[in-house]
Amino acid sequence: MKANKPLLQVSTLVRYKCPETGTPTVGHVTDAFSDDDGYMMLEVITLDPFDRGWFDQHELEVLDESSK
């Protein structure tokens, strides 16, 4: 994990590589969960094209720095 990586939370604007096409995609974090060991998954929804998926934190790049 990168040093000083911002904490991802609901409404954070992120970029990730689409697992099906490899295309960089932008979306918003809409949900998050973590287990007792601290493993966290985040749901991201995109609008163009509409899609959603669950991602590990390391798969996401924060685009909206004001959401720290």
C-alpha atoms as a PDB file:
ATOM      1  CA  MET A   1       0.000   0.000   0.000  1.00  0.00           C
ATOM      2  CA  LYS A   2       1.251   3.501  -0.840  1.00  0.00           C
ATOM      3  CA  ALA A   3       2.204   5.826   1.996  1.00  0.00           C
ATOM      4  CA  ASN A   4      -0.349   8.564   2.729  1.00  0.00           C
ATOM      5  CA  LYS A   5      -3.010   6.853   0.626  1.00  0.00           C
ATOM      6  CA  PRO A   6      -6.337   8.512   1.482  1.00  0.00           C
ATOM      7  CA  LEU A   7      -8.992   6.467   3.217  1.00  0.00           C
ATOM      8  CA  LEU A   8     -11.654   5.415   0.740  1.00  0.00           C
ATOM      9  CA  GLN A   9     -15.209   6.076   1.833  1.00  0.00           C
ATOM     10  CA  VAL A  10     -18.714   6.302   0.379  1.00  0.00           C
ATOM     11  CA  SER A  11     -18.955   9.095  -2.247  1.00  0.00           C
ATOM     12  CA  THR A  12     -15.219   9.072  -3.087  1.00  0.00           C
ATOM     13  CA  LEU A  13     -14.577   9.488  -6.817  1.00  0.00           C
ATOM     14  CA  VAL A  14     -12.232   6.721  -8.007  1.00  0.00           C
ATOM     15  CA  ARG A  15     -10.655   5.255 -11.129  1.00  0.00           C
ATOM     16  CA  TYR A  16     -10.077   1.538 -11.680  1.00  0.00           C
ATOM     17  CA  LYS A  17      -9.275  -0.808 -14.538  1.00  0.00           C
ATOM     18  CA  CYS A  18     -12.398  -2.593 -15.773  1.00  0.00           C
ATOM     19  CA  PRO A  19     -11.837  -6.315 -15.107  1.00  0.00           C
ATOM     20  CA  GLU A  20     -13.593  -7.319 -18.362  1.00  0.00           C
ATOM     21  CA  THR A  21     -12.100  -4.826 -20.835  1.00  0.00           C
ATOM     22  CA  GLY A  22      -9.012  -3.408 -19.102  1.00  0.00           C
ATOM     23  CA  THR A  23     -10.320   0.098 -19.812  1.00  0.00           C
ATOM     24  CA  PRO A  24      -9.737   2.794 -17.151  1.00  0.00           C
ATOM     25  CA  THR A  25     -13.153   3.553 -15.644  1.00  0.00           C
ATOM     26  CA  VAL A  26     -14.348   6.295 -13.274  1.00  0.00           C
ATOM     27  CA  GLY A  27     -17.062   5.838 -10.644  1.00  0.00           C
ATOM     28  CA  HIS A  28     -18.143   6.586  -7.093  1.00  0.00           C
ATOM     29  CA  VAL A  29     -17.786   4.381  -4.029  1.00  0.00           C
ATOM     30  CA  THR A  30     -21.340   3.601  -2.893  1.00  0.00           C
ATOM     31  CA  ASP A  31     -20.841   0.955  -0.203  1.00  0.00           C
ATOM     32  CA  ALA A  32     -18.082  -0.610   1.868  1.00  0.00           C
ATOM     33  CA  PHE A  33     -17.640  -3.521   4.228  1.00  0.00           C
ATOM     34  CA  SER A  34     -14.799  -5.027   6.205  1.00  0.00           C
ATOM     35  CA  ASP A  35     -14.414  -8.256   8.119  1.00  0.00           C
ATOM     36  CA  ASP A  36     -13.003  -8.807  11.620  1.00  0.00           C
ATOM     37  CA  ASP A  37      -9.472  -8.998  10.178  1.00  0.00           C
ATOM     38  CA  GLY A  38      -9.807  -5.541   8.593  1.00  0.00           C
ATOM     39  CA  TYR A  39     -10.097  -6.772   4.986  1.00  0.00           C
ATOM     40  CA  MET A  40     -12.161  -4.140   3.150  1.00  0.00           C
ATOM     41  CA  MET A  41     -14.136  -4.304  -0.090  1.00  0.00           C
ATOM     42  CA  LEU A  42     -15.745  -1.289  -1.757  1.00  0.00           C
ATOM     43  CA  GLU A  43     -18.678  -1.154  -4.168  1.00  0.00           C
ATOM     44  CA  VAL A  44     -18.185   1.241  -7.088  1.00  0.00           C
ATOM     45  CA  ILE A  45     -20.927   2.360  -9.471  1.00  0.00           C
ATOM     46  CA  THR A  46     -20.248   3.942 -12.876  1.00  0.00           C
ATOM     47  CA  LEU A  47     -22.763   5.711 -15.113  1.00  0.00           C
ATOM     48  CA  ASP A  48     -21.161   5.607 -18.561  1.00  0.00           C
ATOM     49  CA  PRO A  49     -21.641   2.749 -19.123  1.00  0.00           C
ATOM     50  CA  PHE A  50     -23.779   1.825 -16.123  1.00  0.00           C
ATOM     51  CA  ASP A  51     -21.983  -0.849 -14.132  1.00  0.00           C
ATOM     52  CA  ARG A  52     -21.121  -1.743 -10.584  1.00  0.00           C
ATOM     53  CA  GLY A  53     -18.700  -4.036  -8.873  1.00  0.00           C
ATOM     54  CA  TRP A  54     -16.845  -4.801  -5.659  1.00  0.00           C
ATOM     55  CA  PHE A  55     -13.142  -3.961  -5.474  1.00  0.00           C
ATOM     56  CA  ASP A  56     -10.246  -4.235  -3.067  1.00  0.00           C
ATOM     57  CA  GLN A  57      -8.757  -0.898  -1.955  1.00  0.00           C
ATOM     58  CA  HIS A  58      -5.539  -1.471  -3.922  1.00  0.00           C
ATOM     59  CA  GLU A  59      -7.547  -1.655  -7.175  1.00  0.00           C
ATOM     60  CA  LEU A  60      -8.858   1.910  -6.787  1.00  0.00           C
ATOM     61  CA  GLU A  61      -7.192   5.286  -7.354  1.00  0.00           C
ATOM     62  CA  VAL A  62      -8.746   8.306  -5.608  1.00  0.00           C
ATOM     63  CA  LEU A  63      -9.547  11.128  -8.049  1.00  0.00           C
ATOM     64  CA  ASP A  64     -11.360  13.520  -5.709  1.00  0.00           C
ATOM     65  CA  GLU A  65      -8.680  14.670  -3.257  1.00  0.00           C
ATOM     66  CA  SER A  66     -11.215  16.796  -1.336  1.00  0.00           C
ATOM     67  CA  SER A  67     -12.895  13.568  -0.124  1.00  0.00           C
ATOM     68  CA  LYS A  68     -10.032  12.813   2.291  1.00  0.00           C
END
